[in-house]
Amino acid sequence: MFVQPYLFFDGRCEEALAFYRDAIGAEVTMLMRFRESPEPTFAPPGAGEKVMHAAFKVGDTLVMASDGM
């Protein structure tokens, strides 16, 4: 069975990514902020710098993450 986790950090995704990078050597492979969304009306007010979607690798596992607005 293949499991691909998606974690939500309620506004602290960037901090979590830095923690995983420092603590276990995670490699961030993708990061998109709400302000970069192709659908600008999708972004909640004040969420421009928050992480809409990110992906990072831990060994062979790809983990996805978001601020989950």
N, C-alpha and C. Protein backbone atom coordinates (compact mmCIF):
# COMPACT_ATOMS: atom_id res chain seq x y z
N MET A 1 0.84 -1.17 0.00
CA MET A 1 0.00 0.00 0.00
C MET A 1 0.89 1.24 0.00
N PHE A 2 0.49 2.23 -0.79
CA PHE A 2 1.21 3.50 -0.90
C PHE A 2 0.45 4.56 -0.09
N VAL A 3 1.13 5.20 0.83
CA VAL A 3 0.52 6.26 1.65
C VAL A 3 1.28 7.55 1.40
N GLN A 4 0.54 8.62 1.12
CA GLN A 4 1.18 9.92 0.91
C GLN A 4 0.51 10.93 1.85
N PRO A 5 1.15 11.25 2.96
CA PRO A 5 0.54 12.13 3.95
C PRO A 5 0.46 13.59 3.48
N TYR A 6 -0.59 14.26 3.92
CA TYR A 6 -0.77 15.69 3.68
C TYR A 6 -1.01 16.33 5.04
N LEU A 7 -0.07 17.17 5.48
CA LEU A 7 -0.13 17.77 6.81
C LEU A 7 -0.58 19.22 6.74
N PHE A 8 -1.41 19.63 7.69
CA PHE A 8 -1.89 21.01 7.77
C PHE A 8 -1.37 21.65 9.05
N PHE A 9 -0.84 22.88 8.92
CA PHE A 9 -0.15 23.51 10.04
C PHE A 9 -0.78 24.81 10.54
N ASP A 10 -1.96 25.14 10.11
CA ASP A 10 -2.71 26.28 10.66
C ASP A 10 -1.87 27.55 10.77
N GLY A 11 -1.19 27.91 9.67
CA GLY A 11 -0.43 29.15 9.64
C GLY A 11 1.04 29.02 10.00
N ARG A 12 1.52 27.81 10.34
CA ARG A 12 2.91 27.63 10.76
C ARG A 12 3.66 26.65 9.87
N CYS A 13 3.23 26.52 8.62
CA CYS A 13 3.83 25.56 7.71
C CYS A 13 5.30 25.86 7.44
N GLU A 14 5.61 27.10 7.18
CA GLU A 14 7.01 27.45 6.89
C GLU A 14 7.92 27.11 8.07
N GLU A 15 7.44 27.35 9.27
CA GLU A 15 8.19 27.00 10.48
C GLU A 15 8.36 25.47 10.57
N ALA A 16 7.32 24.73 10.25
CA ALA A 16 7.39 23.27 10.28
C ALA A 16 8.38 22.74 9.25
N LEU A 17 8.37 23.32 8.06
CA LEU A 17 9.31 22.90 7.02
C LEU A 17 10.75 23.10 7.48
N ALA A 18 11.03 24.25 8.10
CA ALA A 18 12.37 24.52 8.61
C ALA A 18 12.75 23.51 9.70
N PHE A 19 11.78 23.18 10.57
CA PHE A 19 12.04 22.21 11.62
C PHE A 19 12.39 20.84 11.03
N TYR A 20 11.58 20.35 10.09
CA TYR A 20 11.84 19.05 9.49
C TYR A 20 13.16 19.03 8.72
N ARG A 21 13.49 20.16 8.07
CA ARG A 21 14.77 20.23 7.36
C ARG A 21 15.93 20.10 8.35
N ASP A 22 15.86 20.85 9.46
CA ASP A 22 16.95 20.83 10.44
C ASP A 22 16.99 19.54 11.25
N ALA A 23 15.83 19.02 11.63
CA ALA A 23 15.77 17.87 12.54
C ALA A 23 16.03 16.54 11.84
N ILE A 24 15.51 16.36 10.62
CA ILE A 24 15.65 15.05 9.98
C ILE A 24 16.16 15.12 8.54
N GLY A 25 16.61 16.31 8.13
CA GLY A 25 17.21 16.44 6.81
C GLY A 25 16.22 16.43 5.66
N ALA A 26 14.98 16.83 5.92
CA ALA A 26 13.97 16.87 4.86
C ALA A 26 14.39 17.86 3.78
N GLU A 27 14.05 17.54 2.55
CA GLU A 27 14.36 18.40 1.41
C GLU A 27 13.05 18.95 0.84
N VAL A 28 12.88 20.27 0.91
CA VAL A 28 11.68 20.90 0.36
C VAL A 28 11.81 20.90 -1.16
N THR A 29 10.85 20.27 -1.83
CA THR A 29 10.91 20.15 -3.29
C THR A 29 9.94 21.09 -4.00
N MET A 30 8.98 21.65 -3.25
CA MET A 30 8.00 22.55 -3.87
C MET A 30 7.37 23.40 -2.78
N LEU A 31 7.17 24.69 -3.06
CA LEU A 31 6.50 25.58 -2.13
C LEU A 31 5.76 26.65 -2.94
N MET A 32 4.47 26.76 -2.71
CA MET A 32 3.66 27.79 -3.37
C MET A 32 2.87 28.54 -2.30
N ARG A 33 2.94 29.85 -2.36
CA ARG A 33 2.20 30.68 -1.42
C ARG A 33 0.83 31.04 -2.00
N PHE A 34 -0.08 31.42 -1.13
CA PHE A 34 -1.42 31.78 -1.57
C PHE A 34 -1.39 32.91 -2.60
N ARG A 35 -0.46 33.87 -2.44
CA ARG A 35 -0.39 35.00 -3.38
C ARG A 35 0.01 34.55 -4.78
N GLU A 36 0.60 33.35 -4.90
CA GLU A 36 1.04 32.83 -6.19
C GLU A 36 -0.02 31.96 -6.86
N SER A 37 -1.17 31.84 -6.24
CA SER A 37 -2.23 30.99 -6.77
C SER A 37 -2.70 31.49 -8.13
N PRO A 38 -2.94 30.56 -9.07
CA PRO A 38 -3.47 30.97 -10.37
C PRO A 38 -4.91 31.48 -10.25
N GLU A 39 -5.57 31.20 -9.14
CA GLU A 39 -6.92 31.70 -8.86
C GLU A 39 -6.83 32.68 -7.69
N PRO A 40 -6.55 33.95 -7.95
CA PRO A 40 -6.33 34.90 -6.84
C PRO A 40 -7.52 35.05 -5.90
N THR A 41 -8.72 34.79 -6.37
CA THR A 41 -9.88 34.91 -5.48
C THR A 41 -9.94 33.75 -4.49
N PHE A 42 -9.12 32.72 -4.71
CA PHE A 42 -9.08 31.56 -3.83
C PHE A 42 -8.42 31.89 -2.49
N ALA A 43 -7.50 32.82 -2.48
CA ALA A 43 -6.74 33.14 -1.27
C ALA A 43 -7.60 33.89 -0.26
N PRO A 44 -7.64 33.40 0.98
CA PRO A 44 -8.36 34.13 2.02
C PRO A 44 -7.67 35.47 2.30
N PRO A 45 -8.41 36.47 2.75
CA PRO A 45 -7.81 37.77 3.06
C PRO A 45 -6.66 37.63 4.07
N GLY A 46 -5.55 38.27 3.76
CA GLY A 46 -4.39 38.25 4.65
C GLY A 46 -3.55 37.00 4.58
N ALA A 47 -3.84 36.10 3.65
CA ALA A 47 -3.11 34.83 3.58
C ALA A 47 -2.02 34.83 2.53
N GLY A 48 -1.74 35.95 1.90
CA GLY A 48 -0.81 36.01 0.78
C GLY A 48 0.52 35.33 0.99
N GLU A 49 1.14 35.49 2.15
CA GLU A 49 2.46 34.91 2.42
C GLU A 49 2.39 33.52 3.02
N LYS A 50 1.21 33.05 3.36
CA LYS A 50 1.06 31.71 3.93
C LYS A 50 1.26 30.66 2.84
N VAL A 51 1.60 29.45 3.24
CA VAL A 51 1.89 28.36 2.31
C VAL A 51 0.59 27.69 1.86
N MET A 52 0.31 27.79 0.57
CA MET A 52 -0.87 27.13 0.01
C MET A 52 -0.59 25.64 -0.17
N HIS A 53 0.60 25.32 -0.69
CA HIS A 53 0.97 23.92 -0.90
C HIS A 53 2.49 23.80 -0.88
N ALA A 54 2.97 22.77 -0.21
CA ALA A 54 4.40 22.47 -0.19
C ALA A 54 4.57 20.96 -0.25
N ALA A 55 5.73 20.55 -0.69
CA ALA A 55 6.08 19.14 -0.69
C ALA A 55 7.52 19.01 -0.22
N PHE A 56 7.77 17.99 0.59
CA PHE A 56 9.13 17.74 1.03
C PHE A 56 9.38 16.24 1.10
N LYS A 57 10.65 15.88 0.91
CA LYS A 57 11.04 14.48 0.92
C LYS A 57 11.77 14.15 2.21
N VAL A 58 11.40 13.01 2.76
CA VAL A 58 12.11 12.43 3.90
C VAL A 58 12.48 11.03 3.44
N GLY A 59 13.73 10.84 3.10
CA GLY A 59 14.14 9.58 2.50
C GLY A 59 13.44 9.42 1.16
N ASP A 60 12.74 8.32 0.97
CA ASP A 60 12.00 8.08 -0.26
C ASP A 60 10.53 8.52 -0.16
N THR A 61 10.14 9.07 0.97
CA THR A 61 8.74 9.45 1.20
C THR A 61 8.51 10.92 0.86
N LEU A 62 7.48 11.17 0.07
CA LEU A 62 7.08 12.54 -0.24
C LEU A 62 5.92 12.91 0.67
N VAL A 63 6.08 14.01 1.40
CA VAL A 63 5.06 14.50 2.31
C VAL A 63 4.58 15.85 1.79
N MET A 64 3.29 16.06 1.76
CA MET A 64 2.75 17.35 1.32
C MET A 64 2.27 18.12 2.54
N ALA A 65 2.28 19.45 2.44
CA ALA A 65 1.93 20.26 3.59
C ALA A 65 1.29 21.57 3.14
N SER A 66 0.57 22.20 4.08
CA SER A 66 -0.12 23.45 3.79
C SER A 66 -0.40 24.18 5.10
N ASP A 67 -0.66 25.49 4.96
CA ASP A 67 -1.15 26.24 6.10
C ASP A 67 -2.63 25.99 6.31
N GLY A 68 -3.27 25.37 5.35
CA GLY A 68 -4.64 24.91 5.51
C GLY A 68 -5.67 25.98 5.75
N MET A 69 -5.57 27.06 5.04
CA MET A 69 -6.56 28.13 5.19
C MET A 69 -7.90 27.72 4.64
